[in-house]
Amino acid sequence: MSLVPHHEVEAFLEAHPGWELKENEISRAFVFKDFSESMGFVTRVGLEAEKADHHPDIDIRWNTVTLTLSTHSEGGLTARDLGLADTADHLT
């Protein structure tokens, strides 16, 4: 799988508020009412990640879940990262 050109990453970020580019990965913090809602979101993301066979780094802090995406084998962002990020946006 090839890396997504920078202009496509920039277009994705404009269309998906909350996601930030940091070097060769994107991340976003999702804030929920409580820990239970956070864990429900993590479960939904996990199920979608398994379907896609592409797994984000997940940081859970009580009511905040931060997802970080990058295709490590490619050394940057691929369509799989942007696709899973888009899916996560729709799971909130």
C-alpha atoms as a PDB file:
ATOM      1  CA  MET A   1       0.000   0.000   0.000  1.00  0.00           C
ATOM      2  CA  SER A   2       1.374   3.416  -0.891  1.00  0.00           C
ATOM      3  CA  LEU A   3       1.508   6.559   1.207  1.00  0.00           C
ATOM      4  CA  VAL A   4      -1.218   9.153   0.756  1.00  0.00           C
ATOM      5  CA  PRO A   5       0.093  12.371  -0.857  1.00  0.00           C
ATOM      6  CA  HIS A   6       0.367  15.308   1.552  1.00  0.00           C
ATOM      7  CA  HIS A   7      -2.325  17.324  -0.266  1.00  0.00           C
ATOM      8  CA  GLU A   8      -4.801  14.466   0.298  1.00  0.00           C
ATOM      9  CA  VAL A   9      -3.919  14.347   3.990  1.00  0.00           C
ATOM     10  CA  GLU A  10      -4.489  18.101   4.203  1.00  0.00           C
ATOM     11  CA  ALA A  11      -7.881  17.723   2.478  1.00  0.00           C
ATOM     12  CA  PHE A  12      -8.808  14.962   4.922  1.00  0.00           C
ATOM     13  CA  LEU A  13      -7.876  17.146   7.903  1.00  0.00           C
ATOM     14  CA  GLU A  14      -9.976  20.031   6.585  1.00  0.00           C
ATOM     15  CA  ALA A  15     -12.974  17.728   6.200  1.00  0.00           C
ATOM     16  CA  HIS A  16     -12.487  16.029   9.594  1.00  0.00           C
ATOM     17  CA  PRO A  17     -12.195  18.569  12.420  1.00  0.00           C
ATOM     18  CA  GLY A  18     -10.320  17.383  15.474  1.00  0.00           C
ATOM     19  CA  TRP A  19      -7.737  15.270  13.661  1.00  0.00           C
ATOM     20  CA  GLU A  20      -4.180  16.563  13.801  1.00  0.00           C
ATOM     21  CA  LEU A  21      -1.107  15.656  11.787  1.00  0.00           C
ATOM     22  CA  LYS A  22       2.034  14.997  13.810  1.00  0.00           C
ATOM     23  CA  GLU A  23       4.979  13.948  11.670  1.00  0.00           C
ATOM     24  CA  ASN A  24       3.836  10.730   9.955  1.00  0.00           C
ATOM     25  CA  GLU A  25       0.639  10.044  11.920  1.00  0.00           C
ATOM     26  CA  ILE A  26      -2.757  11.532  12.646  1.00  0.00           C
ATOM     27  CA  SER A  27      -4.457  11.643  16.014  1.00  0.00           C
ATOM     28  CA  ARG A  28      -7.652  12.838  17.600  1.00  0.00           C
ATOM     29  CA  ALA A  29      -8.974  12.989  21.155  1.00  0.00           C
ATOM     30  CA  PHE A  30     -12.635  12.021  21.571  1.00  0.00           C
ATOM     31  CA  VAL A  31     -14.300  13.229  24.776  1.00  0.00           C
ATOM     32  CA  PHE A  32     -17.267  11.401  26.293  1.00  0.00           C
ATOM     33  CA  LYS A  33     -19.593  11.808  29.269  1.00  0.00           C
ATOM     34  CA  ASP A  34     -17.886   9.127  31.345  1.00  0.00           C
ATOM     35  CA  PHE A  35     -15.673   6.044  31.330  1.00  0.00           C
ATOM     36  CA  SER A  36     -18.491   3.754  30.258  1.00  0.00           C
ATOM     37  CA  GLU A  37     -19.127   5.778  27.090  1.00  0.00           C
ATOM     38  CA  SER A  38     -15.387   5.881  26.409  1.00  0.00           C
ATOM     39  CA  MET A  39     -15.137   2.109  26.628  1.00  0.00           C
ATOM     40  CA  GLY A  40     -18.169   1.648  24.397  1.00  0.00           C
ATOM     41  CA  PHE A  41     -16.448   3.785  21.759  1.00  0.00           C
ATOM     42  CA  VAL A  42     -13.218   1.798  22.134  1.00  0.00           C
ATOM     43  CA  THR A  43     -15.158  -1.429  21.597  1.00  0.00           C
ATOM     44  CA  ARG A  44     -16.839  -0.071  18.457  1.00  0.00           C
ATOM     45  CA  VAL A  45     -13.492   1.166  17.081  1.00  0.00           C
ATOM     46  CA  GLY A  46     -11.884  -2.167  17.925  1.00  0.00           C
ATOM     47  CA  LEU A  47     -14.506  -4.116  16.022  1.00  0.00           C
ATOM     48  CA  GLU A  48     -14.099  -1.888  12.962  1.00  0.00           C
ATOM     49  CA  ALA A  49     -10.311  -2.120  13.220  1.00  0.00           C
ATOM     50  CA  GLU A  50     -10.531  -5.906  13.215  1.00  0.00           C
ATOM     51  CA  LYS A  51     -12.755  -5.840  10.120  1.00  0.00           C
ATOM     52  CA  ALA A  52     -10.241  -3.571   8.380  1.00  0.00           C
ATOM     53  CA  ASP A  53      -7.246  -5.531   9.711  1.00  0.00           C
ATOM     54  CA  HIS A  54      -5.756  -2.167  10.638  1.00  0.00           C
ATOM     55  CA  HIS A  55      -5.315  -1.169  14.269  1.00  0.00           C
ATOM     56  CA  PRO A  56      -4.896   2.270  15.828  1.00  0.00           C
ATOM     57  CA  ASP A  57      -2.936   3.119  18.930  1.00  0.00           C
ATOM     58  CA  ILE A  58      -5.559   3.789  21.599  1.00  0.00           C
ATOM     59  CA  ASP A  59      -5.009   5.833  24.758  1.00  0.00           C
ATOM     60  CA  ILE A  60      -7.852   5.762  27.298  1.00  0.00           C
ATOM     61  CA  ARG A  61      -8.051   8.417  30.039  1.00  0.00           C
ATOM     62  CA  TRP A  62     -11.382   8.100  31.878  1.00  0.00           C
ATOM     63  CA  ASN A  63     -13.665  10.128  29.554  1.00  0.00           C
ATOM     64  CA  THR A  64     -11.123  10.802  26.788  1.00  0.00           C
ATOM     65  CA  VAL A  65      -9.998   8.361  24.117  1.00  0.00           C
ATOM     66  CA  THR A  66      -7.144   9.348  21.816  1.00  0.00           C
ATOM     67  CA  LEU A  67      -6.688   7.447  18.581  1.00  0.00           C
ATOM     68  CA  THR A  68      -3.411   7.620  16.684  1.00  0.00           C
ATOM     69  CA  LEU A  69      -3.104   6.198  13.189  1.00  0.00           C
ATOM     70  CA  SER A  70      -0.155   5.465  10.946  1.00  0.00           C
ATOM     71  CA  THR A  71       0.857   2.518   8.801  1.00  0.00           C
ATOM     72  CA  HIS A  72       4.140   1.621  10.435  1.00  0.00           C
ATOM     73  CA  SER A  73       5.170  -0.792   7.687  1.00  0.00           C
ATOM     74  CA  GLU A  74       4.892   2.051   5.154  1.00  0.00           C
ATOM     75  CA  GLY A  75       6.395   4.732   7.379  1.00  0.00           C
ATOM     76  CA  GLY A  76       3.425   7.088   7.170  1.00  0.00           C
ATOM     77  CA  LEU A  77      -0.213   7.528   6.295  1.00  0.00           C
ATOM     78  CA  THR A  78      -2.076   5.294   3.885  1.00  0.00           C
ATOM     79  CA  ALA A  79      -5.684   5.118   2.749  1.00  0.00           C
ATOM     80  CA  ARG A  80      -6.279   2.572   5.530  1.00  0.00           C
ATOM     81  CA  ASP A  81      -5.430   5.193   8.164  1.00  0.00           C
ATOM     82  CA  LEU A  82      -7.706   7.824   6.689  1.00  0.00           C
ATOM     83  CA  GLY A  83     -10.485   5.273   6.238  1.00  0.00           C
ATOM     84  CA  LEU A  84     -10.347   4.114   9.846  1.00  0.00           C
ATOM     85  CA  ALA A  85     -10.211   7.715  11.061  1.00  0.00           C
ATOM     86  CA  ASP A  86     -13.333   8.492   9.032  1.00  0.00           C
ATOM     87  CA  THR A  87     -15.050   5.416  10.465  1.00  0.00           C
ATOM     88  CA  ALA A  88     -14.136   6.470  14.025  1.00  0.00           C
ATOM     89  CA  ASP A  89     -15.697   9.886  13.402  1.00  0.00           C
ATOM     90  CA  HIS A  90     -18.978   8.167  12.571  1.00  0.00           C
ATOM     91  CA  LEU A  91     -18.904   5.946  15.667  1.00  0.00           C
ATOM     92  CA  THR A  92     -19.270   8.765  18.196  1.00  0.00           C
END
